[in-house]
PDB file of all heavy atoms in Angstrom:
ATOM      1  N   TYR A   1     -18.054  22.983   2.192  1.00  0.00           N
ATOM      2  CA  TYR A   1     -18.192  21.953   1.160  1.00  0.00           C
ATOM      3  C   TYR A   1     -19.284  22.309   0.158  1.00  0.00           C
ATOM      4  O   TYR A   1     -19.197  21.946  -1.020  1.00  0.00           O
ATOM      5  CB  TYR A   1     -18.447  20.575   1.786  1.00  0.00           C
ATOM      6  CG  TYR A   1     -19.817  20.357   2.363  1.00  0.00           C
ATOM      7  CD1 TYR A   1     -20.841  19.815   1.590  1.00  0.00           C
ATOM      8  CD2 TYR A   1     -20.094  20.682   3.687  1.00  0.00           C
ATOM      9  CE1 TYR A   1     -22.110  19.619   2.117  1.00  0.00           C
ATOM     10  CE2 TYR A   1     -21.349  20.485   4.223  1.00  0.00           C
ATOM     11  CZ  TYR A   1     -22.360  19.953   3.438  1.00  0.00           C
ATOM     12  OH  TYR A   1     -23.611  19.768   3.969  1.00  0.00           O
ATOM     13  N   GLU A   2     -20.326  23.023   0.604  1.00  0.00           N
ATOM     14  CA  GLU A   2     -21.372  23.447  -0.327  1.00  0.00           C
ATOM     15  C   GLU A   2     -20.837  24.531  -1.263  1.00  0.00           C
ATOM     16  O   GLU A   2     -21.170  24.562  -2.449  1.00  0.00           O
ATOM     17  CB  GLU A   2     -22.586  23.983   0.444  1.00  0.00           C
ATOM     18  CG  GLU A   2     -23.362  22.912   1.204  1.00  0.00           C
ATOM     19  CD  GLU A   2     -24.180  22.018   0.268  1.00  0.00           C
ATOM     20  OE1 GLU A   2     -24.216  22.293  -0.952  1.00  0.00           O
ATOM     21  OE2 GLU A   2     -24.771  21.041   0.760  1.00  0.00           O
ATOM     22  N   ARG A   3     -19.994  25.400  -0.750  1.00  0.00           N
ATOM     23  CA  ARG A   3     -19.395  26.439  -1.595  1.00  0.00           C
ATOM     24  C   ARG A   3     -18.443  25.802  -2.605  1.00  0.00           C
ATOM     25  O   ARG A   3     -18.347  26.255  -3.751  1.00  0.00           O
ATOM     26  CB  ARG A   3     -18.675  27.484  -0.735  1.00  0.00           C
ATOM     27  CG  ARG A   3     -19.616  28.162   0.251  1.00  0.00           C
ATOM     28  CD  ARG A   3     -18.979  29.320   0.980  1.00  0.00           C
ATOM     29  NE  ARG A   3     -19.752  29.658   2.172  1.00  0.00           N
ATOM     30  CZ  ARG A   3     -19.701  30.813   2.809  1.00  0.00           C
ATOM     31  NH1 ARG A   3     -18.906  31.770   2.379  1.00  0.00           N
ATOM     32  NH2 ARG A   3     -20.437  31.031   3.886  1.00  0.00           N
ATOM     33  N   ALA A   4     -17.743  24.757  -2.177  1.00  0.00           N
ATOM     34  CA  ALA A   4     -16.858  24.040  -3.104  1.00  0.00           C
ATOM     35  C   ALA A   4     -17.666  23.414  -4.244  1.00  0.00           C
ATOM     36  O   ALA A   4     -17.257  23.451  -5.408  1.00  0.00           O
ATOM     37  CB  ALA A   4     -16.063  22.981  -2.355  1.00  0.00           C
ATOM     38  N   LYS A   5     -18.822  22.855  -3.911  1.00  0.00           N
ATOM     39  CA  LYS A   5     -19.681  22.265  -4.946  1.00  0.00           C
ATOM     40  C   LYS A   5     -20.148  23.311  -5.957  1.00  0.00           C
ATOM     41  O   LYS A   5     -20.346  23.005  -7.133  1.00  0.00           O
ATOM     42  CB  LYS A   5     -20.907  21.608  -4.297  1.00  0.00           C
ATOM     43  CG  LYS A   5     -20.629  20.280  -3.612  1.00  0.00           C
ATOM     44  CD  LYS A   5     -21.921  19.714  -3.046  1.00  0.00           C
ATOM     45  CE  LYS A   5     -21.701  18.367  -2.367  1.00  0.00           C
ATOM     46  NZ  LYS A   5     -22.964  17.812  -1.815  1.00  0.00           N
ATOM     47  N   LEU A   6     -20.321  24.536  -5.487  1.00  0.00           N
ATOM     48  CA  LEU A   6     -20.776  25.611  -6.378  1.00  0.00           C
ATOM     49  C   LEU A   6     -19.649  26.139  -7.268  1.00  0.00           C
ATOM     50  O   LEU A   6     -19.908  26.842  -8.243  1.00  0.00           O
ATOM     51  CB  LEU A   6     -21.358  26.771  -5.556  1.00  0.00           C
ATOM     52  CG  LEU A   6     -22.666  26.492  -4.820  1.00  0.00           C
ATOM     53  CD1 LEU A   6     -23.060  27.698  -3.970  1.00  0.00           C
ATOM     54  CD2 LEU A   6     -23.781  26.152  -5.805  1.00  0.00           C
ATOM     55  N   GLY A   7     -18.390  25.807  -6.910  1.00  0.00           N
ATOM     56  CA  GLY A   7     -17.290  26.223  -7.770  1.00  0.00           C
ATOM     57  C   GLY A   7     -16.254  27.123  -7.132  1.00  0.00           C
ATOM     58  O   GLY A   7     -15.507  27.807  -7.837  1.00  0.00           O
ATOM     59  N   ILE A   8     -16.180  27.137  -5.797  1.00  0.00           N
ATOM     60  CA  ILE A   8     -15.165  27.935  -5.100  1.00  0.00           C
ATOM     61  C   ILE A   8     -14.130  26.995  -4.493  1.00  0.00           C
ATOM     62  O   ILE A   8     -14.476  26.108  -3.716  1.00  0.00           O
ATOM     63  CB  ILE A   8     -15.789  28.795  -3.975  1.00  0.00           C
ATOM     64  CG1 ILE A   8     -16.817  29.767  -4.555  1.00  0.00           C
ATOM     65  CG2 ILE A   8     -14.707  29.555  -3.217  1.00  0.00           C
ATOM     66  CD1 ILE A   8     -17.577  30.557  -3.500  1.00  0.00           C
ATOM     67  N   SER A   9     -12.873  27.174  -4.860  1.00  0.00           N
ATOM     68  CA  SER A   9     -11.810  26.397  -4.207  1.00  0.00           C
ATOM     69  C   SER A   9     -10.683  27.331  -3.818  1.00  0.00           C
ATOM     70  O   SER A   9     -10.610  28.475  -4.292  1.00  0.00           O
ATOM     71  CB  SER A   9     -11.303  25.269  -5.107  1.00  0.00           C
ATOM     72  OG  SER A   9     -10.534  25.768  -6.174  1.00  0.00           O
ATOM     73  N   ARG A  10      -9.754  26.835  -2.992  1.00  0.00           N
ATOM     74  CA  ARG A  10      -8.729  27.718  -2.455  1.00  0.00           C
ATOM     75  C   ARG A  10      -7.434  26.968  -2.162  1.00  0.00           C
ATOM     76  O   ARG A  10      -7.420  25.742  -2.057  1.00  0.00           O
ATOM     77  CB  ARG A  10      -9.206  28.361  -1.155  1.00  0.00           C
ATOM     78  CG  ARG A  10      -9.348  27.363  -0.019  1.00  0.00           C
ATOM     79  CD  ARG A  10      -9.543  28.032   1.320  1.00  0.00           C
ATOM     80  NE  ARG A  10      -8.388  28.798   1.724  1.00  0.00           N
ATOM     81  CZ  ARG A  10      -8.315  29.518   2.844  1.00  0.00           C
ATOM     82  NH1 ARG A  10      -9.355  29.555   3.654  1.00  0.00           N
ATOM     83  NH2 ARG A  10      -7.229  30.180   3.160  1.00  0.00           N
ATOM     84  N   THR A  11      -6.363  27.734  -2.063  1.00  0.00           N
ATOM     85  CA  THR A  11      -5.125  27.237  -1.488  1.00  0.00           C
ATOM     86  C   THR A  11      -4.945  27.934  -0.143  1.00  0.00           C
ATOM     87  O   THR A  11      -5.634  28.910   0.162  1.00  0.00           O
ATOM     88  CB  THR A  11      -3.912  27.534  -2.386  1.00  0.00           C
ATOM     89  OG1 THR A  11      -3.741  28.959  -2.499  1.00  0.00           O
ATOM     90  CG2 THR A  11      -4.100  26.929  -3.772  1.00  0.00           C
ATOM     91  N   PHE A  12      -4.000  27.422   0.644  1.00  0.00           N
ATOM     92  CA  PHE A  12      -3.806  27.940   1.990  1.00  0.00           C
ATOM     93  C   PHE A  12      -2.425  28.581   2.135  1.00  0.00           C
ATOM     94  O   PHE A  12      -1.454  28.164   1.510  1.00  0.00           O
ATOM     95  CB  PHE A  12      -3.949  26.816   3.023  1.00  0.00           C
ATOM     96  CG  PHE A  12      -5.344  26.281   3.133  1.00  0.00           C
ATOM     97  CD1 PHE A  12      -5.797  25.319   2.243  1.00  0.00           C
ATOM     98  CD2 PHE A  12      -6.210  26.741   4.105  1.00  0.00           C
ATOM     99  CE1 PHE A  12      -7.086  24.821   2.329  1.00  0.00           C
ATOM    100  CE2 PHE A  12      -7.500  26.253   4.199  1.00  0.00           C
ATOM    101  CZ  PHE A  12      -7.945  25.285   3.305  1.00  0.00           C
ATOM    102  N   GLN A  13      -2.362  29.588   3.003  1.00  0.00           N
ATOM    103  CA  GLN A  13      -1.085  30.238   3.297  1.00  0.00           C
ATOM    104  C   GLN A  13      -0.113  29.216   3.877  1.00  0.00           C
ATOM    105  O   GLN A  13       1.060  29.172   3.511  1.00  0.00           O
ATOM    106  CB  GLN A  13      -1.327  31.385   4.277  1.00  0.00           C
ATOM    107  CG  GLN A  13      -0.090  32.205   4.593  1.00  0.00           C
ATOM    108  CD  GLN A  13      -0.438  33.380   5.494  1.00  0.00           C
ATOM    109  OE1 GLN A  13      -1.598  33.775   5.639  1.00  0.00           O
ATOM    110  NE2 GLN A  13       0.572  33.951   6.108  1.00  0.00           N
ATOM    111  N   ASN A  14      -0.607  28.394   4.793  1.00  0.00           N
ATOM    112  CA  ASN A  14       0.170  27.276   5.331  1.00  0.00           C
ATOM    113  C   ASN A  14      -0.317  26.014   4.633  1.00  0.00           C
ATOM    114  O   ASN A  14      -1.488  25.658   4.733  1.00  0.00           O
ATOM    115  CB  ASN A  14      -0.014  27.168   6.844  1.00  0.00           C
ATOM    116  CG  ASN A  14       0.462  28.412   7.569  1.00  0.00           C
ATOM    117  OD1 ASN A  14       1.547  28.900   7.305  1.00  0.00           O
ATOM    118  ND2 ASN A  14      -0.375  28.932   8.466  1.00  0.00           N
ATOM    119  N   ILE A  15       0.581  25.351   3.936  1.00  0.00           N
ATOM    120  CA  ILE A  15       0.221  24.217   3.093  1.00  0.00           C
ATOM    121  C   ILE A  15      -0.591  23.183   3.867  1.00  0.00           C
ATOM    122  O   ILE A  15      -0.237  22.798   4.974  1.00  0.00           O
ATOM    123  CB  ILE A  15       1.486  23.570   2.499  1.00  0.00           C
ATOM    124  CG1 ILE A  15       2.219  24.585   1.613  1.00  0.00           C
ATOM    125  CG2 ILE A  15       1.137  22.339   1.680  1.00  0.00           C
ATOM    126  CD1 ILE A  15       3.580  24.140   1.149  1.00  0.00           C
ATOM    127  N   ALA A  16      -1.698  22.717   3.270  1.00  0.00           N
ATOM    128  CA  ALA A  16      -2.599  21.759   3.924  1.00  0.00           C
ATOM    129  C   ALA A  16      -2.803  20.546   3.018  1.00  0.00           C
ATOM    130  O   ALA A  16      -3.869  20.355   2.454  1.00  0.00           O
ATOM    131  CB  ALA A  16      -3.931  22.433   4.246  1.00  0.00           C
ATOM    132  N   LEU A  17      -1.748  19.740   2.878  1.00  0.00           N
ATOM    133  CA  LEU A  17      -1.809  18.543   2.041  1.00  0.00           C
ATOM    134  C   LEU A  17      -1.707  17.293   2.900  1.00  0.00           C
ATOM    135  O   LEU A  17      -1.344  17.358   4.083  1.00  0.00           O
ATOM    136  CB  LEU A  17      -0.651  18.555   1.027  1.00  0.00           C
ATOM    137  CG  LEU A  17      -0.666  19.664  -0.031  1.00  0.00           C
ATOM    138  CD1 LEU A  17       0.678  19.720  -0.737  1.00  0.00           C
ATOM    139  CD2 LEU A  17      -1.788  19.437  -1.034  1.00  0.00           C
ATOM    140  N   TYR A  18      -2.009  16.133   2.300  1.00  0.00           N
ATOM    141  CA  TYR A  18      -1.785  14.846   2.964  1.00  0.00           C
ATOM    142  C   TYR A  18      -0.327  14.474   2.739  1.00  0.00           C
ATOM    143  O   TYR A  18       0.042  13.958   1.686  1.00  0.00           O
ATOM    144  CB  TYR A  18      -2.716  13.781   2.386  1.00  0.00           C
ATOM    145  CG  TYR A  18      -4.190  14.101   2.531  1.00  0.00           C
ATOM    146  CD1 TYR A  18      -4.990  14.307   1.415  1.00  0.00           C
ATOM    147  CD2 TYR A  18      -4.771  14.200   3.795  1.00  0.00           C
ATOM    148  CE1 TYR A  18      -6.346  14.604   1.548  1.00  0.00           C
ATOM    149  CE2 TYR A  18      -6.122  14.500   3.933  1.00  0.00           C
ATOM    150  CZ  TYR A  18      -6.896  14.701   2.809  1.00  0.00           C
ATOM    151  OH  TYR A  18      -8.232  15.006   2.944  1.00  0.00           O
ATOM    152  N   THR A  19       0.514  14.771   3.724  1.00  0.00           N
ATOM    153  CA  THR A  19       1.957  14.663   3.513  1.00  0.00           C
ATOM    154  C   THR A  19       2.446  13.224   3.382  1.00  0.00           C
ATOM    155  O   THR A  19       3.533  12.994   2.843  1.00  0.00           O
ATOM    156  CB  THR A  19       2.718  15.345   4.661  1.00  0.00           C
ATOM    157  OG1 THR A  19       2.288  14.798   5.916  1.00  0.00           O
ATOM    158  CG2 THR A  19       2.469  16.846   4.659  1.00  0.00           C
ATOM    159  N   ASN A  20       1.660  12.256   3.849  1.00  0.00           N
ATOM    160  CA  ASN A  20       2.074  10.850   3.746  1.00  0.00           C
ATOM    161  C   ASN A  20       1.518  10.163   2.503  1.00  0.00           C
ATOM    162  O   ASN A  20       1.708   8.960   2.324  1.00  0.00           O
ATOM    163  CB  ASN A  20       1.652  10.074   4.996  1.00  0.00           C
ATOM    164  CG  ASN A  20       2.399  10.536   6.240  1.00  0.00           C
ATOM    165  OD1 ASN A  20       3.591  10.825   6.164  1.00  0.00           O
ATOM    166  ND2 ASN A  20       1.705  10.622   7.362  1.00  0.00           N
ATOM    167  N   ALA A  21       0.834  10.923   1.663  1.00  0.00           N
ATOM    168  CA  ALA A  21       0.254  10.373   0.426  1.00  0.00           C
ATOM    169  C   ALA A  21       1.014  10.912  -0.783  1.00  0.00           C
ATOM    170  O   ALA A  21       1.754  11.897  -0.689  1.00  0.00           O
ATOM    171  CB  ALA A  21      -1.221  10.736   0.329  1.00  0.00           C
ATOM    172  N   THR A  22       0.823  10.280  -1.924  1.00  0.00           N
ATOM    173  CA  THR A  22       1.496  10.720  -3.141  1.00  0.00           C
ATOM    174  C   THR A  22       0.824  11.965  -3.717  1.00  0.00           C
ATOM    175  O   THR A  22      -0.297  12.328  -3.332  1.00  0.00           O
ATOM    176  CB  THR A  22       1.478   9.617  -4.212  1.00  0.00           C
ATOM    177  OG1 THR A  22       0.111   9.413  -4.630  1.00  0.00           O
ATOM    178  CG2 THR A  22       2.076   8.319  -3.698  1.00  0.00           C
ATOM    179  N   VAL A  23       1.517  12.584  -4.653  1.00  0.00           N
ATOM    180  CA  VAL A  23       0.950  13.721  -5.371  1.00  0.00           C
ATOM    181  C   VAL A  23      -0.352  13.306  -6.050  1.00  0.00           C
ATOM    182  O   VAL A  23      -1.376  13.988  -5.951  1.00  0.00           O
ATOM    183  CB  VAL A  23       1.961  14.246  -6.415  1.00  0.00           C
ATOM    184  CG1 VAL A  23       1.299  15.281  -7.332  1.00  0.00           C
ATOM    185  CG2 VAL A  23       3.181  14.845  -5.720  1.00  0.00           C
ATOM    186  N   LEU A  24      -0.320  12.167  -6.716  1.00  0.00           N
ATOM    187  CA  LEU A  24      -1.501  11.664  -7.415  1.00  0.00           C
ATOM    188  C   LEU A  24      -2.663  11.450  -6.454  1.00  0.00           C
ATOM    189  O   LEU A  24      -3.804  11.853  -6.737  1.00  0.00           O
ATOM    190  CB  LEU A  24      -1.155  10.354  -8.122  1.00  0.00           C
ATOM    191  CG  LEU A  24      -2.239   9.694  -8.961  1.00  0.00           C
ATOM    192  CD1 LEU A  24      -2.674  10.598 -10.111  1.00  0.00           C
ATOM    193  CD2 LEU A  24      -1.750   8.354  -9.504  1.00  0.00           C
ATOM    194  N   ASP A  25      -2.402  10.852  -5.310  1.00  0.00           N
ATOM    195  CA  ASP A  25      -3.465  10.584  -4.333  1.00  0.00           C
ATOM    196  C   ASP A  25      -4.041  11.879  -3.765  1.00  0.00           C
ATOM    197  O   ASP A  25      -5.247  11.971  -3.494  1.00  0.00           O
ATOM    198  CB  ASP A  25      -2.937   9.704  -3.201  1.00  0.00           C
ATOM    199  CG  ASP A  25      -2.701   8.270  -3.640  1.00  0.00           C
ATOM    200  OD1 ASP A  25      -3.259   7.874  -4.678  1.00  0.00           O
ATOM    201  OD2 ASP A  25      -1.937   7.549  -2.959  1.00  0.00           O
ATOM    202  N   ASN A  26      -3.181  12.889  -3.552  1.00  0.00           N
ATOM    203  CA  ASN A  26      -3.666  14.173  -3.049  1.00  0.00           C
ATOM    204  C   ASN A  26      -4.629  14.813  -4.035  1.00  0.00           C
ATOM    205  O   ASN A  26      -5.674  15.352  -3.638  1.00  0.00           O
ATOM    206  CB  ASN A  26      -2.492  15.120  -2.778  1.00  0.00           C
ATOM    207  CG  ASN A  26      -2.003  15.065  -1.345  1.00  0.00           C
ATOM    208  OD1 ASN A  26      -2.515  15.759  -0.473  1.00  0.00           O
ATOM    209  ND2 ASN A  26      -1.027  14.210  -1.099  1.00  0.00           N
ATOM    210  N   LEU A  27      -4.304  14.744  -5.319  1.00  0.00           N
ATOM    211  CA  LEU A  27      -5.185  15.341  -6.322  1.00  0.00           C
ATOM    212  C   LEU A  27      -6.466  14.525  -6.495  1.00  0.00           C
ATOM    213  O   LEU A  27      -7.557  15.097  -6.652  1.00  0.00           O
ATOM    214  CB  LEU A  27      -4.456  15.478  -7.660  1.00  0.00           C
ATOM    215  CG  LEU A  27      -3.727  16.808  -7.881  1.00  0.00           C
ATOM    216  CD1 LEU A  27      -2.670  17.062  -6.815  1.00  0.00           C
ATOM    217  CD2 LEU A  27      -3.088  16.855  -9.266  1.00  0.00           C
ATOM    218  N   MET A  28      -6.360  13.201  -6.415  1.00  0.00           N
ATOM    219  CA  MET A  28      -7.550  12.361  -6.517  1.00  0.00           C
ATOM    220  C   MET A  28      -8.493  12.600  -5.336  1.00  0.00           C
ATOM    221  O   MET A  28      -9.716  12.577  -5.493  1.00  0.00           O
ATOM    222  CB  MET A  28      -7.152  10.889  -6.589  1.00  0.00           C
ATOM    223  CG  MET A  28      -6.648  10.440  -7.953  1.00  0.00           C
ATOM    224  SD  MET A  28      -7.895  10.576  -9.276  1.00  0.00           S
ATOM    225  CE  MET A  28      -9.058   9.282  -8.781  1.00  0.00           C
ATOM    226  N   ALA A  29      -7.928  12.848  -4.159  1.00  0.00           N
ATOM    227  CA  ALA A  29      -8.763  13.094  -2.976  1.00  0.00           C
ATOM    228  C   ALA A  29      -9.651  14.316  -3.171  1.00  0.00           C
ATOM    229  O   ALA A  29     -10.778  14.370  -2.664  1.00  0.00           O
ATOM    230  CB  ALA A  29      -7.883  13.272  -1.743  1.00  0.00           C
ATOM    231  N   ALA A  30      -9.141  15.288  -3.917  1.00  0.00           N
ATOM    232  CA  ALA A  30      -9.920  16.505  -4.152  1.00  0.00           C
ATOM    233  C   ALA A  30     -11.091  16.270  -5.105  1.00  0.00           C
ATOM    234  O   ALA A  30     -12.017  17.079  -5.177  1.00  0.00           O
ATOM    235  CB  ALA A  30      -9.017  17.603  -4.711  1.00  0.00           C
ATOM    236  N   ARG A  31     -11.063  15.158  -5.836  1.00  0.00           N
ATOM    237  CA  ARG A  31     -12.126  14.876  -6.803  1.00  0.00           C
ATOM    238  C   ARG A  31     -13.364  14.270  -6.149  1.00  0.00           C
ATOM    239  O   ARG A  31     -14.392  14.129  -6.812  1.00  0.00           O
ATOM    240  CB  ARG A  31     -11.608  13.894  -7.879  1.00  0.00           C
ATOM    241  CG  ARG A  31     -10.484  14.422  -8.744  1.00  0.00           C
ATOM    242  CD  ARG A  31     -10.901  15.555  -9.633  1.00  0.00           C
ATOM    243  NE  ARG A  31     -11.980  15.181 -10.537  1.00  0.00           N
ATOM    244  CZ  ARG A  31     -12.623  16.033 -11.321  1.00  0.00           C
ATOM    245  NH1 ARG A  31     -12.322  17.316 -11.291  1.00  0.00           N
ATOM    246  NH2 ARG A  31     -13.589  15.619 -12.121  1.00  0.00           N
ATOM    247  N   HIS A  32     -13.291  13.920  -4.862  1.00  0.00           N
ATOM    248  CA  HIS A  32     -14.415  13.214  -4.231  1.00  0.00           C
ATOM    249  C   HIS A  32     -15.709  14.011  -4.308  1.00  0.00           C
ATOM    250  O   HIS A  32     -16.795  13.450  -4.357  1.00  0.00           O
ATOM    251  CB  HIS A  32     -14.087  12.910  -2.757  1.00  0.00           C
ATOM    252  CG  HIS A  32     -14.229  14.099  -1.851  1.00  0.00           C
ATOM    253  ND1 HIS A  32     -13.239  15.057  -1.727  1.00  0.00           N
ATOM    254  CD2 HIS A  32     -15.261  14.496  -1.048  1.00  0.00           C
ATOM    255  CE1 HIS A  32     -13.650  15.998  -0.874  1.00  0.00           C
ATOM    256  NE2 HIS A  32     -14.853  15.680  -0.457  1.00  0.00           N
ATOM    257  N   ILE A  33     -15.572  15.335  -4.355  1.00  0.00           N
ATOM    258  CA  ILE A  33     -16.764  16.178  -4.349  1.00  0.00           C
ATOM    259  C   ILE A  33     -17.561  16.022  -5.650  1.00  0.00           C
ATOM    260  O   ILE A  33     -18.748  16.308  -5.708  1.00  0.00           O
ATOM    261  CB  ILE A  33     -16.358  17.644  -4.113  1.00  0.00           C
ATOM    262  CG1 ILE A  33     -17.542  18.437  -3.537  1.00  0.00           C
ATOM    263  CG2 ILE A  33     -15.851  18.320  -5.385  1.00  0.00           C
ATOM    264  CD1 ILE A  33     -17.156  19.732  -2.902  1.00  0.00           C
ATOM    265  N   HIS A  34     -16.891  15.526  -6.708  1.00  0.00           N
ATOM    266  CA  HIS A  34     -17.559  15.332  -7.996  1.00  0.00           C
ATOM    267  C   HIS A  34     -17.985  13.882  -8.221  1.00  0.00           C
ATOM    268  O   HIS A  34     -18.586  13.575  -9.252  1.00  0.00           O
ATOM    269  CB  HIS A  34     -16.633  15.759  -9.139  1.00  0.00           C
ATOM    270  CG  HIS A  34     -16.304  17.222  -9.142  1.00  0.00           C
ATOM    271  ND1 HIS A  34     -17.248  18.205  -9.337  1.00  0.00           N
ATOM    272  CD2 HIS A  34     -15.132  17.872  -8.957  1.00  0.00           C
ATOM    273  CE1 HIS A  34     -16.675  19.395  -9.280  1.00  0.00           C
ATOM    274  NE2 HIS A  34     -15.384  19.215  -9.057  1.00  0.00           N
ATOM    275  N   MET A  35     -17.652  12.991  -7.292  1.00  0.00           N
ATOM    276  CA  MET A  35     -17.954  11.570  -7.492  1.00  0.00           C
ATOM    277  C   MET A  35     -19.397  11.264  -7.130  1.00  0.00           C
ATOM    278  O   MET A  35     -19.902  11.716  -6.116  1.00  0.00           O
ATOM    279  CB  MET A  35     -16.985  10.708  -6.679  1.00  0.00           C
ATOM    280  CG  MET A  35     -15.553  10.809  -7.175  1.00  0.00           C
ATOM    281  SD  MET A  35     -14.412   9.732  -6.276  1.00  0.00           S
ATOM    282  CE  MET A  35     -12.873  10.081  -7.151  1.00  0.00           C
ATOM    283  N   LYS A  36     -20.054  10.455  -7.964  1.00  0.00           N
ATOM    284  CA  LYS A  36     -21.483  10.191  -7.790  1.00  0.00           C
ATOM    285  C   LYS A  36     -21.794   8.730  -7.476  1.00  0.00           C
ATOM    286  O   LYS A  36     -22.922   8.390  -7.157  1.00  0.00           O
ATOM    287  CB  LYS A  36     -22.244  10.600  -9.057  1.00  0.00           C
ATOM    288  CG  LYS A  36     -22.140  12.085  -9.385  1.00  0.00           C
ATOM    289  CD  LYS A  36     -22.902  12.420 -10.643  1.00  0.00           C
ATOM    290  CE  LYS A  36     -22.919  13.921 -10.909  1.00  0.00           C
ATOM    291  NZ  LYS A  36     -21.572  14.460 -11.134  1.00  0.00           N
ATOM    292  N   SER A  37     -20.811   7.826  -7.576  1.00  0.00           N
ATOM    293  CA  SER A  37     -21.088   6.413  -7.330  1.00  0.00           C
ATOM    294  C   SER A  37     -21.427   6.184  -5.861  1.00  0.00           C
ATOM    295  O   SER A  37     -20.909   6.864  -4.981  1.00  0.00           O
ATOM    296  CB  SER A  37     -19.887   5.546  -7.724  1.00  0.00           C
ATOM    297  OG  SER A  37     -18.744   5.915  -6.988  1.00  0.00           O
ATOM    298  N   ASN A  38     -22.306   5.211  -5.592  1.00  0.00           N
ATOM    299  CA  ASN A  38     -22.684   4.932  -4.211  1.00  0.00           C
ATOM    300  C   ASN A  38     -21.681   3.981  -3.553  1.00  0.00           C
ATOM    301  O   ASN A  38     -20.741   3.501  -4.179  1.00  0.00           O
ATOM    302  CB  ASN A  38     -24.117   4.370  -4.137  1.00  0.00           C
ATOM    303  CG  ASN A  38     -24.252   3.062  -4.914  1.00  0.00           C
ATOM    304  OD1 ASN A  38     -23.384   2.190  -4.859  1.00  0.00           O
ATOM    305  ND2 ASN A  38     -25.361   2.921  -5.638  1.00  0.00           N
ATOM    306  N   MET A  39     -21.880   3.699  -2.275  1.00  0.00           N
ATOM    307  CA  MET A  39     -20.923   2.906  -1.517  1.00  0.00           C
ATOM    308  C   MET A  39     -20.762   1.497  -2.090  1.00  0.00           C
ATOM    309  O   MET A  39     -19.655   0.969  -2.189  1.00  0.00           O
ATOM    310  CB  MET A  39     -21.364   2.809  -0.043  1.00  0.00           C
ATOM    311  CG  MET A  39     -20.320   2.167   0.866  1.00  0.00           C
ATOM    312  SD  MET A  39     -20.860   2.169   2.577  1.00  0.00           S
ATOM    313  CE  MET A  39     -20.927   3.926   2.905  1.00  0.00           C
ATOM    314  N   LEU A  40     -21.873   0.884  -2.524  1.00  0.00           N
ATOM    315  CA  LEU A  40     -21.813  -0.494  -3.026  1.00  0.00           C
ATOM    316  C   LEU A  40     -21.034  -0.570  -4.337  1.00  0.00           C
ATOM    317  O   LEU A  40     -20.088  -1.350  -4.461  1.00  0.00           O
ATOM    318  CB  LEU A  40     -23.229  -1.036  -3.235  1.00  0.00           C
ATOM    319  CG  LEU A  40     -23.318  -2.446  -3.842  1.00  0.00           C
ATOM    320  CD1 LEU A  40     -22.629  -3.454  -2.924  1.00  0.00           C
ATOM    321  CD2 LEU A  40     -24.769  -2.838  -4.092  1.00  0.00           C
ATOM    322  N   THR A  41     -21.398   0.278  -5.323  1.00  0.00           N
ATOM    323  CA  THR A  41     -20.696   0.220  -6.604  1.00  0.00           C
ATOM    324  C   THR A  41     -19.257   0.672  -6.455  1.00  0.00           C
ATOM    325  O   THR A  41     -18.364   0.178  -7.145  1.00  0.00           O
ATOM    326  CB  THR A  41     -21.409   1.085  -7.660  1.00  0.00           C
ATOM    327  OG1 THR A  41     -21.489   2.437  -7.186  1.00  0.00           O
ATOM    328  CG2 THR A  41     -22.789   0.561  -7.957  1.00  0.00           C
ATOM    329  N   GLY A  42     -19.015   1.613  -5.523  1.00  0.00           N
ATOM    330  CA  GLY A  42     -17.649   2.056  -5.292  1.00  0.00           C
ATOM    331  C   GLY A  42     -16.799   0.954  -4.707  1.00  0.00           C
ATOM    332  O   GLY A  42     -15.649   0.751  -5.088  1.00  0.00           O
TER     333      GLY A  42
END
C-alpha cells in the first residue's frame, strides 16, 4: 500500500476484482488510497 501511494499500481495474471460489485464501484474502491476525509465527515 505504501508503494501504491508512491505511484506503483498493477494488474494481475488472474483477475482480482470484486465480482459482486459494479464496474463503477470497483473503480471507486481503488480511489480510497487518495481519499483524505476522516471517518466523521465521510
